[in-house]
Amino acid sequence: MRILLISVNTEEIYMRTWPLGLACVAESARAAGHTVEFLDLMQADDPNASVQRTIKEINPDVIGVSVRNIDSQKMTDQGFFLDTVKEIVVCCRSVTKAPIVLGGAGYSIYPDSLLEYLKADMGIQGEGETAFIELINRLERGTELVGAPGLYLLGLGLSGPRHFEKDLDNLPLPNVNSFADSVSQGEEFWLPVQTRRGCPMNCSYCSTGSIEGRLLRKRSPQKVVDWLLEWRKAGVKQFYFVDNTFNLPPSYAGTLCGEIIEKGLNASWRCIMYPVRTSDKLIRLMAESGCKEVSIGFESGSTLILNSMNKKFTNDDVRYTCDLLAKYRIRRMGFLLLGGPGETKETTLESLRFADSLNLEVLKLTVGIRIYPQTILAETAVKDGIVSPDDNLLEPRFYLVPSLQGWIRGVVDEWMSSRPNWVS
């Protein structure tokens, strides 16, 4: 079949991104014998024109649309991105009758409501390398779609159980020869890399469980580094490990760093760390293998709030991790989430003082926490009357303790005014 895969994301909220997930689906489809056209609208000057021109050129049998971001996740200066996605769906409809299939991280959080909002034909929740291939094979044969893994049909809901590949080595990584031209080579570009999927931590506000599931699944470090070497030969010098918890398990992270050193990748990389179970040995290996920056979502400096968020670390764990990173001259970017359940003036000031004491290179502060469906925070927000039980949360809703609303913004602004490395 002729397949058009479209990454509709054009937002650069924190950095310019490349659609790794959709590229993995494209690689799987090609391996299954299908013809695939890959369209990244981040690279398009006129997205609608690019979509129309591509559809007319290849006349696809199926169109896959990957939805990454729903909104800006900011309570102030809110940005809602789905209307732009809807324009692309309408644009596709104007030139073809091919079925439109939704996917991507954003879609997996809202499979029913987003399908209804965008008026596509169907969608796949979760990883699509296997599920999308099963769907297009059924479409090609003209057989029953109901039962395809993770499939949602407009108006019918979930039609088949989600599929989680236990061994990620069974899923192909994007071929450099097929995708090198679609990758930016700018100085600020970091190629995304995912070595693991799933997160068992169950933080109160986090949507990762809806996207990837809670069972941690891994690729072999050897295959990951071999893939990185291919991109390095193609000229890519910077990599971003987008795993939610790069350092867990520590043995896997250490083996991965050792492979990078042994095979001489000679590149810079960054990652996201969960500030627990760190060690001098692991951080040293990270530094030696090229790690330049780590994001640390410690979120609060209050034990009360950390417990409310279902965090599995303490302030001492955070300080120990940050001190180790500083020892090996790895840049640290910390994150605070203020105003959630249980927050008070005292816990807010406790968090600000704790963050200040870490002397981080960058601290990002967020006031008000985005509420995602099927999270502990969503249940709390309903109980506390922040949102109604029937709110699908597709349009941005935030948890901010009502009694703190005026005060907390003023305090955060005051602290930020004398700390140029603190950003919102």
Protein backbone atom coordinates (compact mmCIF):
# COMPACT_ATOMS: atom_id res chain seq x y z
CA MET A 1 0.00 0.00 0.00
CA ARG A 2 1.01 3.62 -0.49
CA ILE A 3 1.22 5.28 2.92
CA LEU A 4 1.64 8.95 3.77
CA LEU A 5 2.85 9.63 7.32
CA ILE A 6 2.55 13.22 8.53
CA SER A 7 4.11 14.69 11.67
CA VAL A 8 1.94 17.75 12.29
CA ASN A 9 4.01 19.25 15.11
CA THR A 10 5.44 22.67 14.27
CA GLU A 11 5.95 23.87 17.84
CA GLU A 12 9.41 24.50 19.30
CA ILE A 13 8.35 24.90 22.93
CA TYR A 14 11.71 23.96 24.44
CA MET A 15 13.71 22.88 21.40
CA ARG A 16 13.36 21.88 17.77
CA THR A 17 12.31 18.23 17.62
CA TRP A 18 12.44 15.42 15.10
CA PRO A 19 9.53 12.89 15.00
CA LEU A 20 11.40 9.77 16.12
CA GLY A 21 8.26 7.76 16.89
CA LEU A 22 6.72 8.33 13.47
CA ALA A 23 10.03 7.52 11.80
CA CYS A 24 10.04 4.16 13.64
CA VAL A 25 6.54 3.46 12.31
CA ALA A 26 7.68 4.40 8.80
CA GLU A 27 10.62 2.00 9.07
CA SER A 28 8.30 -0.82 10.15
CA ALA A 29 5.93 -0.14 7.27
CA ARG A 30 8.76 -0.19 4.74
CA ALA A 31 10.08 -3.42 6.23
CA ALA A 32 6.60 -4.91 5.72
CA GLY A 33 6.77 -4.10 2.00
CA HIS A 34 4.71 -0.92 1.88
CA THR A 35 5.63 2.31 0.10
CA VAL A 36 6.00 5.17 2.59
CA GLU A 37 6.22 8.93 2.16
CA PHE A 38 7.37 10.74 5.33
CA LEU A 39 6.31 14.36 5.77
CA ASP A 40 7.60 16.41 8.72
CA LEU A 41 5.71 19.71 8.79
CA MET A 42 8.38 21.20 11.07
CA GLN A 43 10.42 21.46 7.87
CA ALA A 44 7.59 22.96 5.77
CA ASP A 45 7.26 26.68 4.99
CA ASP A 46 3.57 26.18 4.10
CA PRO A 47 2.22 23.03 5.84
CA ASN A 48 -1.15 22.96 4.05
CA ALA A 49 0.45 23.37 0.64
CA SER A 50 3.01 20.66 1.44
CA VAL A 51 0.25 18.23 2.47
CA GLN A 52 -1.87 18.90 -0.62
CA ARG A 53 1.08 18.68 -2.99
CA THR A 54 2.30 15.39 -1.47
CA ILE A 55 -1.13 13.78 -1.56
CA LYS A 56 -1.59 14.70 -5.21
CA GLU A 57 1.87 13.36 -6.05
CA ILE A 58 1.63 9.95 -4.39
CA ASN A 59 -2.15 9.32 -4.12
CA PRO A 60 -1.89 7.48 -0.77
CA ASP A 61 -4.10 4.56 0.23
CA VAL A 62 -3.76 5.47 3.94
CA ILE A 63 -2.70 8.64 5.77
CA GLY A 64 -1.20 8.49 9.24
CA VAL A 65 -1.18 11.71 11.27
CA SER A 66 1.04 11.87 14.34
CA VAL A 67 -0.06 14.23 17.15
CA ARG A 68 2.69 15.15 19.58
CA ASN A 69 1.66 18.27 21.55
CA ILE A 70 -1.86 19.14 22.70
CA ASP A 71 -0.96 22.49 24.26
CA SER A 72 1.90 24.55 25.70
CA GLN A 73 1.34 23.18 29.25
CA LYS A 74 1.48 26.74 30.58
CA MET A 75 -1.32 28.10 32.73
CA THR A 76 -0.43 31.61 31.62
CA ASP A 77 0.15 32.32 27.95
CA GLN A 78 -1.76 29.18 27.03
CA GLY A 79 -1.34 27.71 23.57
CA PHE A 80 -3.81 25.11 22.23
CA PHE A 81 -2.44 23.32 19.17
CA LEU A 82 -5.24 21.00 18.06
CA ASP A 83 -6.96 23.52 15.83
CA THR A 84 -3.83 23.55 13.67
CA VAL A 85 -3.95 19.74 13.56
CA LYS A 86 -7.63 19.91 12.58
CA GLU A 87 -6.69 22.15 9.65
CA ILE A 88 -4.32 19.46 8.38
CA VAL A 89 -7.02 16.77 8.69
CA VAL A 90 -9.45 19.00 6.77
CA CYS A 91 -6.73 19.68 4.21
CA CYS A 92 -6.26 15.93 3.69
CA ARG A 93 -10.01 15.44 3.32
CA SER A 94 -10.16 18.11 0.62
CA VAL A 95 -7.93 16.16 -1.77
CA THR A 96 -8.35 12.47 -0.91
CA LYS A 97 -10.80 9.90 0.42
CA ALA A 98 -8.01 7.79 1.93
CA PRO A 99 -8.68 6.83 5.57
CA ILE A 100 -6.94 9.05 8.11
CA VAL A 101 -5.36 7.29 11.11
CA LEU A 102 -4.23 9.23 14.19
CA GLY A 103 -1.32 8.29 16.43
CA GLY A 104 1.49 9.78 18.47
CA ALA A 105 2.04 10.62 22.13
CA GLY A 106 -0.65 13.30 22.27
CA TYR A 107 -3.23 11.03 20.69
CA SER A 108 -2.47 8.19 23.11
CA ILE A 109 -3.45 10.38 26.07
CA TYR A 110 -6.85 11.26 24.54
CA PRO A 111 -7.74 8.45 22.12
CA ASP A 112 -11.53 8.91 22.19
CA SER A 113 -11.90 12.66 22.65
CA LEU A 114 -9.13 13.61 20.22
CA LEU A 115 -10.52 11.32 17.52
CA GLU A 116 -13.90 12.99 17.93
CA TYR A 117 -12.38 16.50 18.00
CA LEU A 118 -10.31 16.02 14.85
CA LYS A 119 -12.92 13.92 12.98
CA ALA A 120 -10.37 11.45 11.64
CA ASP A 121 -11.49 7.92 10.77
CA MET A 122 -9.55 5.99 13.37
CA GLY A 123 -6.54 6.08 15.68
CA ILE A 124 -3.99 3.82 17.33
CA GLN A 125 -3.18 4.24 21.02
CA GLY A 126 0.39 3.42 22.00
CA GLU A 127 3.35 2.23 19.96
CA GLY A 128 2.44 1.86 16.31
CA GLU A 129 5.28 -0.20 14.82
CA THR A 130 3.26 -3.41 15.15
CA ALA A 131 -0.27 -2.07 15.53
CA PHE A 132 -0.22 0.22 12.48
CA ILE A 133 1.18 -2.55 10.27
CA GLU A 134 -1.59 -4.89 11.41
CA LEU A 135 -4.15 -2.19 10.62
CA ILE A 136 -2.91 -1.42 7.11
CA ASN A 137 -2.64 -5.12 6.34
CA ARG A 138 -6.32 -5.48 7.28
CA LEU A 139 -7.21 -2.46 5.17
CA GLU A 140 -5.30 -3.93 2.23
CA ARG A 141 -7.06 -7.28 2.54
CA GLY A 142 -10.44 -5.68 3.14
CA THR A 143 -10.92 -7.68 6.34
CA GLU A 144 -12.57 -6.74 9.63
CA LEU A 145 -10.82 -3.86 11.44
CA VAL A 146 -12.36 -4.56 14.84
CA GLY A 147 -9.80 -6.37 16.96
CA ALA A 148 -6.72 -4.64 15.54
CA PRO A 149 -4.42 -3.82 18.49
CA GLY A 150 -4.96 -0.43 20.12
CA LEU A 151 -7.42 0.63 17.41
CA TYR A 152 -10.06 3.29 18.08
CA LEU A 153 -12.81 3.80 15.50
CA LEU A 154 -14.74 7.05 15.34
CA GLY A 155 -17.93 6.61 17.33
CA LEU A 156 -17.08 3.05 18.43
CA GLY A 157 -14.22 3.50 20.87
CA LEU A 158 -11.50 0.93 21.53
CA SER A 159 -11.81 -1.98 19.11
CA GLY A 160 -8.78 -4.10 20.09
CA PRO A 161 -6.47 -4.47 23.12
CA ARG A 162 -3.30 -2.38 23.18
CA HIS A 163 -0.05 -4.07 22.18
CA PHE A 164 3.20 -3.58 24.07
CA GLU A 165 6.31 -5.09 22.49
CA LYS A 166 8.26 -6.73 25.33
CA ASP A 167 11.60 -6.76 23.52
CA LEU A 168 12.22 -3.43 21.80
CA ASP A 169 15.01 -5.00 19.73
CA ASN A 170 12.19 -6.57 17.71
CA LEU A 171 11.22 -3.10 16.49
CA PRO A 172 13.38 -1.43 13.82
CA LEU A 173 15.08 1.90 14.34
CA PRO A 174 14.92 4.53 11.56
CA ASN A 175 17.42 3.88 8.77
CA VAL A 176 19.88 6.74 8.45
CA ASN A 177 19.89 6.52 4.65
CA SER A 178 16.10 7.01 4.57
CA PHE A 179 15.88 9.87 7.03
CA ALA A 180 19.16 11.82 7.01
CA ASP A 181 17.72 14.51 4.74
CA SER A 182 14.83 15.14 7.16
CA VAL A 183 17.11 15.79 10.14
CA SER A 184 18.19 19.32 10.94
CA GLN A 185 21.92 19.96 11.23
CA GLY A 186 21.70 23.25 13.16
CA GLU A 187 23.88 23.90 16.18
CA GLU A 188 20.89 23.73 18.54
CA PHE A 189 19.56 20.44 17.18
CA TRP A 190 19.73 17.28 19.30
CA LEU A 191 18.62 14.03 17.66
CA PRO A 192 16.15 12.19 19.94
CA VAL A 193 17.05 8.68 21.08
CA GLN A 194 14.78 6.31 23.02
CA THR A 195 16.38 3.28 24.62
CA ARG A 196 13.49 2.34 26.92
CA ARG A 197 9.72 2.64 27.02
CA GLY A 198 7.31 2.56 29.92
CA CYS A 199 7.65 4.03 33.40
CA PRO A 200 6.59 2.31 36.66
CA MET A 201 6.97 5.44 38.82
CA ASN A 202 3.34 6.62 38.58
CA CYS A 203 3.97 10.26 39.49
CA SER A 204 0.64 11.86 40.31
CA TYR A 205 0.47 14.24 37.34
CA CYS A 206 2.30 12.25 34.65
CA SER A 207 0.77 10.99 31.39
CA THR A 208 3.59 8.58 30.47
CA GLY A 209 1.54 5.57 31.58
CA SER A 210 -1.14 6.42 29.01
CA ILE A 211 1.48 6.79 26.28
CA GLU A 212 3.97 4.00 26.96
CA GLY A 213 2.48 1.83 29.70
CA ARG A 214 4.01 1.19 33.13
CA LEU A 215 6.19 -1.83 32.30
CA LEU A 216 9.79 -0.83 31.56
CA ARG A 217 11.01 -2.34 28.29
CA LYS A 218 14.49 -1.92 26.82
CA ARG A 219 16.61 -2.06 23.68
CA SER A 220 20.01 -3.69 23.94
CA PRO A 221 22.69 -1.04 24.57
CA GLN A 222 24.82 -2.51 21.79
CA LYS A 223 22.13 -1.98 19.15
CA VAL A 224 21.43 1.53 20.41
CA VAL A 225 25.08 2.57 20.16
CA ASP A 226 25.50 0.96 16.74
CA TRP A 227 22.55 3.06 15.58
CA LEU A 228 24.06 6.20 17.08
CA LEU A 229 27.31 5.50 15.23
CA GLU A 230 25.41 5.45 11.93
CA TRP A 231 24.00 8.90 12.65
CA ARG A 232 27.41 10.12 13.80
CA LYS A 233 28.86 9.10 10.44
CA ALA A 234 26.03 11.06 8.79
CA GLY A 235 27.19 14.21 10.59
CA VAL A 236 24.96 14.31 13.71
CA LYS A 237 27.00 15.46 16.70
CA GLN A 238 24.40 15.78 19.47
CA PHE A 239 21.92 13.27 20.87
CA TYR A 240 19.08 13.61 23.36
CA PHE A 241 18.07 10.49 25.31
CA VAL A 242 14.36 11.11 25.78
CA ASP A 243 13.82 8.18 28.17
CA ASN A 244 11.87 9.44 31.19
CA THR A 245 14.43 8.00 33.62
CA PHE A 246 17.81 7.60 31.91
CA ASN A 247 19.53 6.33 35.06
CA LEU A 248 17.01 3.57 35.87
CA PRO A 249 18.02 0.85 36.09
CA PRO A 250 21.57 2.05 36.88
CA SER A 251 23.12 -1.14 35.49
CA TYR A 252 21.55 -0.53 32.08
CA ALA A 253 22.61 3.13 32.04
CA GLY A 254 26.16 2.17 32.98
CA THR A 255 26.36 -0.47 30.27
CA LEU A 256 25.05 2.01 27.69
CA CYS A 257 27.68 4.60 28.67
CA GLY A 258 30.38 1.93 28.55
CA GLU A 259 29.35 0.98 25.00
CA ILE A 260 29.47 4.62 23.93
CA ILE A 261 33.01 4.94 25.32
CA GLU A 262 34.25 1.63 23.91
CA LYS A 263 32.92 2.28 20.41
CA GLY A 264 34.20 5.87 20.33
CA LEU A 265 30.99 7.72 19.53
CA ASN A 266 32.70 11.07 20.15
CA ALA A 267 29.47 13.05 20.46
CA SER A 268 27.65 15.19 23.01
CA TRP A 269 24.44 14.03 24.63
CA ARG A 270 21.84 15.04 27.18
CA CYS A 271 19.22 13.13 29.17
CA ILE A 272 16.52 13.18 31.85
CA MET A 273 17.37 11.73 35.27
CA TYR A 274 15.25 10.55 38.17
CA PRO A 275 17.27 11.74 41.19
CA VAL A 276 17.66 8.47 43.02
CA ARG A 277 20.04 5.48 42.85
CA THR A 278 22.80 7.62 41.39
CA SER A 279 26.47 6.98 42.08
CA ASP A 280 29.86 8.55 41.44
CA LYS A 281 30.69 5.68 39.07
CA LEU A 282 27.58 6.20 36.93
CA ILE A 283 27.94 9.99 36.69
CA ARG A 284 31.63 9.60 35.82
CA LEU A 285 30.72 7.18 33.02
CA MET A 286 28.09 9.60 31.78
CA ALA A 287 30.62 12.43 31.66
CA GLU A 288 33.28 10.30 29.97
CA SER A 289 30.82 9.14 27.33
CA GLY A 290 29.87 12.71 26.36
CA CYS A 291 26.99 13.78 28.63
CA LYS A 292 26.82 17.58 28.71
CA GLU A 293 23.44 18.31 30.30
CA VAL A 294 20.91 16.59 32.55
CA SER A 295 17.29 17.57 33.23
CA ILE A 296 16.20 16.81 36.79
CA GLY A 297 12.50 16.97 37.54
CA PHE A 298 12.66 17.17 41.33
CA GLU A 299 9.45 19.31 41.19
CA SER A 300 9.42 20.36 44.87
CA GLY A 301 11.66 20.96 47.86
CA SER A 302 8.95 19.96 50.32
CA THR A 303 8.71 16.39 51.63
CA LEU A 304 4.96 16.86 52.02
CA ILE A 305 4.52 17.77 48.35
CA LEU A 306 6.93 15.10 47.12
CA ASN A 307 4.80 12.51 48.90
CA SER A 308 1.66 14.04 47.38
CA MET A 309 3.23 13.71 43.92
CA ASN A 310 4.10 10.07 44.63
CA LYS A 311 7.83 10.72 44.24
CA LYS A 312 10.26 8.02 45.34
CA PHE A 313 13.13 10.32 46.30
CA THR A 314 14.06 12.83 48.99
CA ASN A 315 15.71 16.25 49.01
CA ASP A 316 18.94 14.55 50.06
CA ASP A 317 18.76 12.36 46.94
CA VAL A 318 18.30 15.44 44.77
CA ARG A 319 21.21 17.29 46.38
CA TYR A 320 23.49 14.26 46.11
CA THR A 321 22.66 13.86 42.41
CA CYS A 322 23.13 17.56 41.66
CA ASP A 323 26.45 17.67 43.52
CA LEU A 324 27.75 14.66 41.57
CA LEU A 325 26.75 16.23 38.26
CA ALA A 326 28.52 19.45 39.25
CA LYS A 327 31.63 17.48 40.20
CA TYR A 328 31.85 16.14 36.65
CA ARG A 329 30.90 19.48 35.09
CA ILE A 330 27.61 18.31 33.64
CA ARG A 331 25.15 21.17 33.16
CA ARG A 332 22.04 20.82 35.32
CA MET A 333 18.52 21.97 34.48
CA GLY A 334 16.06 21.60 37.35
CA PHE A 335 12.27 21.76 37.31
CA LEU A 336 9.80 22.97 39.94
CA LEU A 337 6.03 22.39 39.74
CA LEU A 338 4.30 24.74 42.16
CA GLY A 339 0.70 25.07 43.27
CA GLY A 340 -0.45 21.44 43.20
CA PRO A 341 -2.49 19.54 45.82
CA GLY A 342 -1.40 20.32 49.37
CA GLU A 343 0.73 23.31 48.37
CA THR A 344 0.85 26.14 50.92
CA LYS A 345 2.80 29.36 51.28
CA GLU A 346 5.22 27.50 53.52
CA THR A 347 5.84 24.61 51.11
CA THR A 348 6.22 27.03 48.20
CA LEU A 349 8.92 29.02 50.01
CA GLU A 350 10.54 25.77 51.13
CA SER A 351 10.79 24.69 47.48
CA LEU A 352 12.19 28.02 46.32
CA ARG A 353 14.83 28.04 49.06
CA PHE A 354 15.80 24.45 48.31
CA ALA A 355 16.08 25.09 44.57
CA ASP A 356 18.18 28.19 45.23
CA SER A 357 20.57 26.21 47.42
CA LEU A 358 21.34 23.76 44.59
CA ASN A 359 23.04 26.49 42.50
CA LEU A 360 21.79 24.96 39.24
CA GLU A 361 22.80 26.31 35.87
CA VAL A 362 19.10 26.59 34.90
CA LEU A 363 15.87 26.26 36.87
CA LYS A 364 12.49 26.12 35.14
CA LEU A 365 9.51 27.09 37.29
CA THR A 366 5.92 26.18 36.45
CA VAL A 367 2.98 27.54 38.42
CA GLY A 368 -0.11 25.37 38.07
CA ILE A 369 0.05 21.73 36.99
CA ARG A 370 -1.55 20.52 33.75
CA ILE A 371 -4.22 17.91 34.54
CA TYR A 372 -4.16 14.80 32.35
CA PRO A 373 -6.83 12.09 32.30
CA GLN A 374 -6.35 8.81 34.17
CA THR A 375 -3.83 10.27 36.59
CA ILE A 376 -3.87 10.62 40.36
CA LEU A 377 -3.96 14.40 39.89
CA ALA A 378 -7.11 14.16 37.76
CA GLU A 379 -8.86 12.18 40.50
CA THR A 380 -7.77 14.74 43.10
CA ALA A 381 -8.89 17.65 40.91
CA VAL A 382 -12.38 16.17 40.63
CA LYS A 383 -12.55 15.53 44.37
CA ASP A 384 -11.40 19.08 45.11
CA GLY A 385 -13.82 20.66 42.64
CA ILE A 386 -11.09 21.99 40.32
CA VAL A 387 -12.63 20.17 37.33
CA SER A 388 -15.94 18.42 36.77
CA PRO A 389 -16.15 14.61 36.55
CA ASP A 390 -17.26 14.74 32.90
CA ASP A 391 -14.46 17.06 31.71
CA ASN A 392 -12.37 15.16 29.14
CA LEU A 393 -9.44 17.53 29.90
CA LEU A 394 -8.62 17.90 26.21
CA GLU A 395 -8.69 21.68 26.51
CA PRO A 396 -6.05 22.65 29.08
CA ARG A 397 -7.05 22.46 32.73
CA PHE A 398 -4.63 23.21 35.57
CA TYR A 399 -4.48 22.48 39.26
CA LEU A 400 -3.55 25.54 41.31
CA VAL A 401 -4.64 25.82 44.93
CA PRO A 402 -7.23 28.63 44.75
CA SER A 403 -6.04 30.42 47.90
CA LEU A 404 -2.52 30.75 46.45
CA GLN A 405 -3.34 32.10 43.00
CA GLY A 406 -2.58 35.79 43.51
CA TRP A 407 0.20 35.31 46.04
CA ILE A 408 2.25 32.56 44.37
CA ARG A 409 2.74 34.37 41.06
CA GLY A 410 4.00 37.49 42.82
CA VAL A 411 6.44 35.51 44.94
CA VAL A 412 7.77 33.53 41.97
CA ASP A 413 8.22 36.72 39.93
CA GLU A 414 10.09 38.33 42.81
CA TRP A 415 12.48 35.39 43.18
CA MET A 416 13.04 35.19 39.42
CA SER A 417 13.77 38.89 39.08
CA SER A 418 17.15 38.55 40.81
CA ARG A 419 18.03 35.13 39.33
CA PRO A 420 18.55 35.35 35.56
CA ASN A 421 19.05 31.57 35.29
CA TRP A 422 15.50 30.94 36.55
CA VAL A 423 12.98 30.73 33.71
CA SER A 424 9.28 30.04 33.33
